[in-house]
């Protein structure tokens, strides 16, 4: 009888082994692959010139698939400039896709379609310098934007410097102008 009790006790102990409750999918990394580190401060640079103006206006929609930023750039001789980062698919819920404490890198596309998840970056510049003054409209020709989430707030960061190709009003079909753009902006 003693052996029977020991046998039942052993069976009971082995049947109570801890069940593995780890999810099948790995946790999102805290930093994206490729060595890019998400900045912790907000900045915006056009042609390596930091924004020195105040009065910024930042907006991020509820789904997180559209970020806009308006700022003056007095250090570059510009008036208000507008930066837009947006997905062509208005139904894409970036806020739900980006894990808290993590990030996702999205490649920038020029040719887009409302049915896909293409990301675009556009920049409008009001140049007030003599000789170059006018309204310029740029679009990014490549690169990546990392979208991260911390405390429920989204941060949009370019992966380094983005090349931009642009037109000057009124010749809106001639993409003969270029500039460089770099940014990291958290929603308010």
Protein backbone atom coordinates (compact mmCIF):
# COMPACT_ATOMS: atom_id res chain seq x y z
CA UNK A 1 0.00 0.00 0.00
CA UNK A 2 2.89 2.31 0.78
CA UNK A 3 4.24 1.88 -2.77
CA UNK A 4 0.83 2.61 -4.22
CA UNK A 5 0.58 5.91 -2.33
CA UNK A 6 4.08 6.89 -3.47
CA UNK A 7 3.17 6.02 -7.07
CA UNK A 8 -0.02 8.10 -6.92
CA UNK A 9 1.87 10.99 -5.34
CA UNK A 10 4.52 10.87 -8.11
CA UNK A 11 1.85 10.78 -10.84
CA UNK A 12 0.07 13.74 -9.24
CA UNK A 13 3.29 15.76 -9.00
CA UNK A 14 4.26 15.13 -12.66
CA UNK A 15 0.77 15.92 -13.91
CA UNK A 16 0.95 19.35 -12.21
CA UNK A 17 3.93 20.50 -14.29
CA UNK A 18 3.87 24.18 -15.21
CA UNK A 19 2.19 24.80 -18.54
CA UNK A 20 4.10 26.98 -21.03
CA UNK A 21 1.99 30.11 -21.47
CA UNK A 22 4.42 31.99 -23.73
CA UNK A 23 2.82 33.29 -26.91
CA UNK A 24 3.67 31.68 -30.24
CA UNK A 25 4.84 34.98 -31.67
CA UNK A 26 7.97 36.66 -30.37
CA UNK A 27 7.68 39.93 -28.50
CA UNK A 28 8.25 43.09 -30.50
CA UNK A 29 11.82 44.32 -30.24
CA UNK A 30 12.41 47.51 -28.30
CA UNK A 31 14.59 48.85 -31.12
CA UNK A 32 14.16 48.15 -34.81
CA UNK A 33 16.58 45.90 -36.58
CA UNK A 34 19.34 47.40 -38.65
CA UNK A 35 20.91 49.39 -35.82
CA UNK A 36 18.59 52.43 -35.97
CA UNK A 37 17.81 53.88 -32.55
CA UNK A 38 14.59 55.84 -32.11
CA UNK A 39 15.40 59.42 -31.00
CA UNK A 40 14.00 60.57 -27.66
CA UNK A 41 13.77 64.26 -28.55
CA UNK A 42 11.79 65.95 -31.28
CA UNK A 43 13.62 67.74 -34.08
CA UNK A 44 13.16 68.77 -37.70
CA UNK A 45 15.99 69.62 -40.12
CA UNK A 46 15.86 70.79 -43.72
CA UNK A 47 19.24 70.71 -45.50
CA UNK A 48 20.95 70.15 -42.12
CA UNK A 49 19.47 73.36 -40.68
CA UNK A 50 17.67 72.85 -37.38
CA UNK A 51 14.37 74.50 -36.85
CA UNK A 52 14.95 77.55 -34.69
CA UNK A 53 11.40 78.85 -34.68
CA UNK A 54 8.68 78.22 -32.19
CA UNK A 55 4.92 78.06 -32.67
CA UNK A 56 4.87 74.49 -33.91
CA UNK A 57 1.59 72.86 -34.77
CA UNK A 58 1.58 69.03 -34.62
CA UNK A 59 -1.35 66.78 -35.43
CA UNK A 60 -1.73 63.01 -35.50
CA UNK A 61 -5.06 61.44 -36.40
CA UNK A 62 -6.78 58.82 -34.22
CA UNK A 63 -5.60 55.83 -36.32
CA UNK A 64 -2.03 57.18 -36.41
CA UNK A 65 -1.84 56.88 -40.20
CA UNK A 66 -1.41 60.62 -40.74
CA UNK A 67 1.00 63.05 -39.04
CA UNK A 68 1.32 66.73 -39.88
CA UNK A 69 3.75 69.33 -38.57
CA UNK A 70 3.82 73.07 -39.36
CA UNK A 71 6.71 75.28 -38.23
CA UNK A 72 8.51 78.42 -39.28
CA UNK A 73 12.16 77.94 -40.28
CA UNK A 74 13.73 81.38 -39.74
CA UNK A 75 17.30 80.01 -39.52
CA UNK A 76 17.02 78.82 -43.14
CA UNK A 77 15.21 81.95 -44.35
CA UNK A 78 11.91 80.10 -44.67
CA UNK A 79 8.44 81.03 -43.51
CA UNK A 80 6.07 78.32 -42.33
CA UNK A 81 6.95 74.87 -43.66
CA UNK A 82 4.67 71.87 -43.57
CA UNK A 83 5.73 68.24 -43.13
CA UNK A 84 3.27 65.44 -43.88
CA UNK A 85 3.77 61.73 -43.20
CA UNK A 86 0.81 59.65 -44.29
CA UNK A 87 -0.38 56.26 -45.48
CA UNK A 88 -2.50 56.02 -48.62
CA UNK A 89 -4.80 53.50 -46.96
CA UNK A 90 -7.09 55.58 -44.69
CA UNK A 91 -8.33 52.41 -42.95
CA UNK A 92 -4.87 51.37 -41.73
CA UNK A 93 -4.78 51.55 -37.92
CA UNK A 94 -1.11 52.22 -37.15
CA UNK A 95 -1.88 52.90 -33.49
CA UNK A 96 -3.13 49.30 -33.14
CA UNK A 97 -0.23 47.82 -35.15
CA UNK A 98 2.67 49.44 -33.29
CA UNK A 99 3.22 47.70 -29.94
CA UNK A 100 3.65 49.74 -26.78
CA UNK A 101 7.38 50.22 -26.23
CA UNK A 102 8.15 48.98 -29.75
CA UNK A 103 8.36 50.31 -33.27
CA UNK A 104 7.78 49.39 -36.90
CA UNK A 105 9.85 50.63 -39.86
CA UNK A 106 7.90 51.52 -43.00
CA UNK A 107 9.57 52.06 -46.39
CA UNK A 108 8.64 55.26 -48.23
CA UNK A 109 7.03 54.97 -51.66
CA UNK A 110 6.53 57.53 -54.42
CA UNK A 111 3.89 55.73 -56.46
CA UNK A 112 1.03 54.76 -54.25
CA UNK A 113 -2.37 53.20 -54.25
CA UNK A 114 -5.20 53.71 -51.79
CA UNK A 115 -5.58 49.93 -51.53
CA UNK A 116 -2.10 49.24 -50.19
CA UNK A 117 -0.11 50.29 -47.14
CA UNK A 118 2.25 52.69 -48.90
CA UNK A 119 3.77 55.50 -46.83
CA UNK A 120 4.57 58.91 -48.24
CA UNK A 121 6.51 61.89 -46.90
CA UNK A 122 5.87 65.36 -48.30
CA UNK A 123 7.33 68.76 -47.45
CA UNK A 124 6.12 72.25 -48.41
CA UNK A 125 8.61 75.10 -48.07
CA UNK A 126 7.87 78.83 -48.21
CA UNK A 127 11.31 80.17 -49.22
CA UNK A 128 11.71 83.85 -48.36
CA UNK A 129 15.37 84.16 -49.44
CA UNK A 130 16.08 86.60 -52.27
CA UNK A 131 16.90 84.82 -55.51
CA UNK A 132 15.25 81.53 -54.46
CA UNK A 133 12.01 82.79 -52.95
CA UNK A 134 8.83 80.97 -53.79
CA UNK A 135 6.71 77.99 -52.83
CA UNK A 136 8.38 74.57 -53.13
CA UNK A 137 6.64 71.20 -52.86
CA UNK A 138 8.83 68.16 -52.16
CA UNK A 139 8.25 64.42 -51.89
CA UNK A 140 10.61 61.83 -50.47
CA UNK A 141 12.18 59.57 -53.08
CA UNK A 142 13.20 56.81 -50.67
CA UNK A 143 14.15 55.84 -47.16
CA UNK A 144 12.22 54.65 -44.13
CA UNK A 145 10.10 56.12 -41.38
CA UNK A 146 10.02 54.41 -37.98
CA UNK A 147 6.84 54.73 -35.98
CA UNK A 148 7.21 53.95 -32.29
CA UNK A 149 4.84 54.06 -29.35
CA UNK A 150 5.55 55.08 -25.77
CA UNK A 151 2.85 55.77 -23.16
CA UNK A 152 0.27 55.51 -25.94
CA UNK A 153 1.85 58.34 -27.96
CA UNK A 154 3.24 57.78 -31.44
CA UNK A 155 6.63 59.10 -32.58
CA UNK A 156 7.45 59.45 -36.29
CA UNK A 157 11.20 59.36 -37.08
CA UNK A 158 13.04 59.36 -40.37
CA UNK A 159 15.85 56.82 -40.61
CA UNK A 160 18.61 59.31 -41.13
CA UNK A 161 18.41 61.90 -43.89
CA UNK A 162 15.67 61.49 -46.51
CA UNK A 163 16.30 62.62 -50.09
CA UNK A 164 13.53 64.89 -51.40
CA UNK A 165 12.62 65.83 -54.97
CA UNK A 166 10.52 68.91 -55.59
CA UNK A 167 8.75 71.39 -57.81
CA UNK A 168 8.43 75.16 -57.53
CA UNK A 169 5.14 76.88 -58.11
CA UNK A 170 3.90 77.42 -60.87
CA UNK A 171 5.96 74.72 -62.71
CA UNK A 172 4.31 71.88 -60.82
CA UNK A 173 5.39 69.09 -63.21
CA UNK A 174 9.17 69.74 -63.21
CA UNK A 175 10.79 67.85 -60.31
CA UNK A 176 14.15 69.59 -60.65
CA UNK A 177 14.69 70.79 -57.07
CA UNK A 178 16.10 68.78 -54.22
CA UNK A 179 16.57 69.04 -50.49
CA UNK A 180 17.29 66.79 -47.52
CA UNK A 181 14.91 66.16 -44.66
CA UNK A 182 15.42 64.65 -41.22
CA UNK A 183 12.88 64.53 -38.41
CA UNK A 184 11.62 62.89 -35.27
CA UNK A 185 8.33 64.10 -33.83
CA UNK A 186 6.13 62.77 -31.05
CA UNK A 187 2.43 63.54 -31.00
CA UNK A 188 1.28 66.06 -28.38
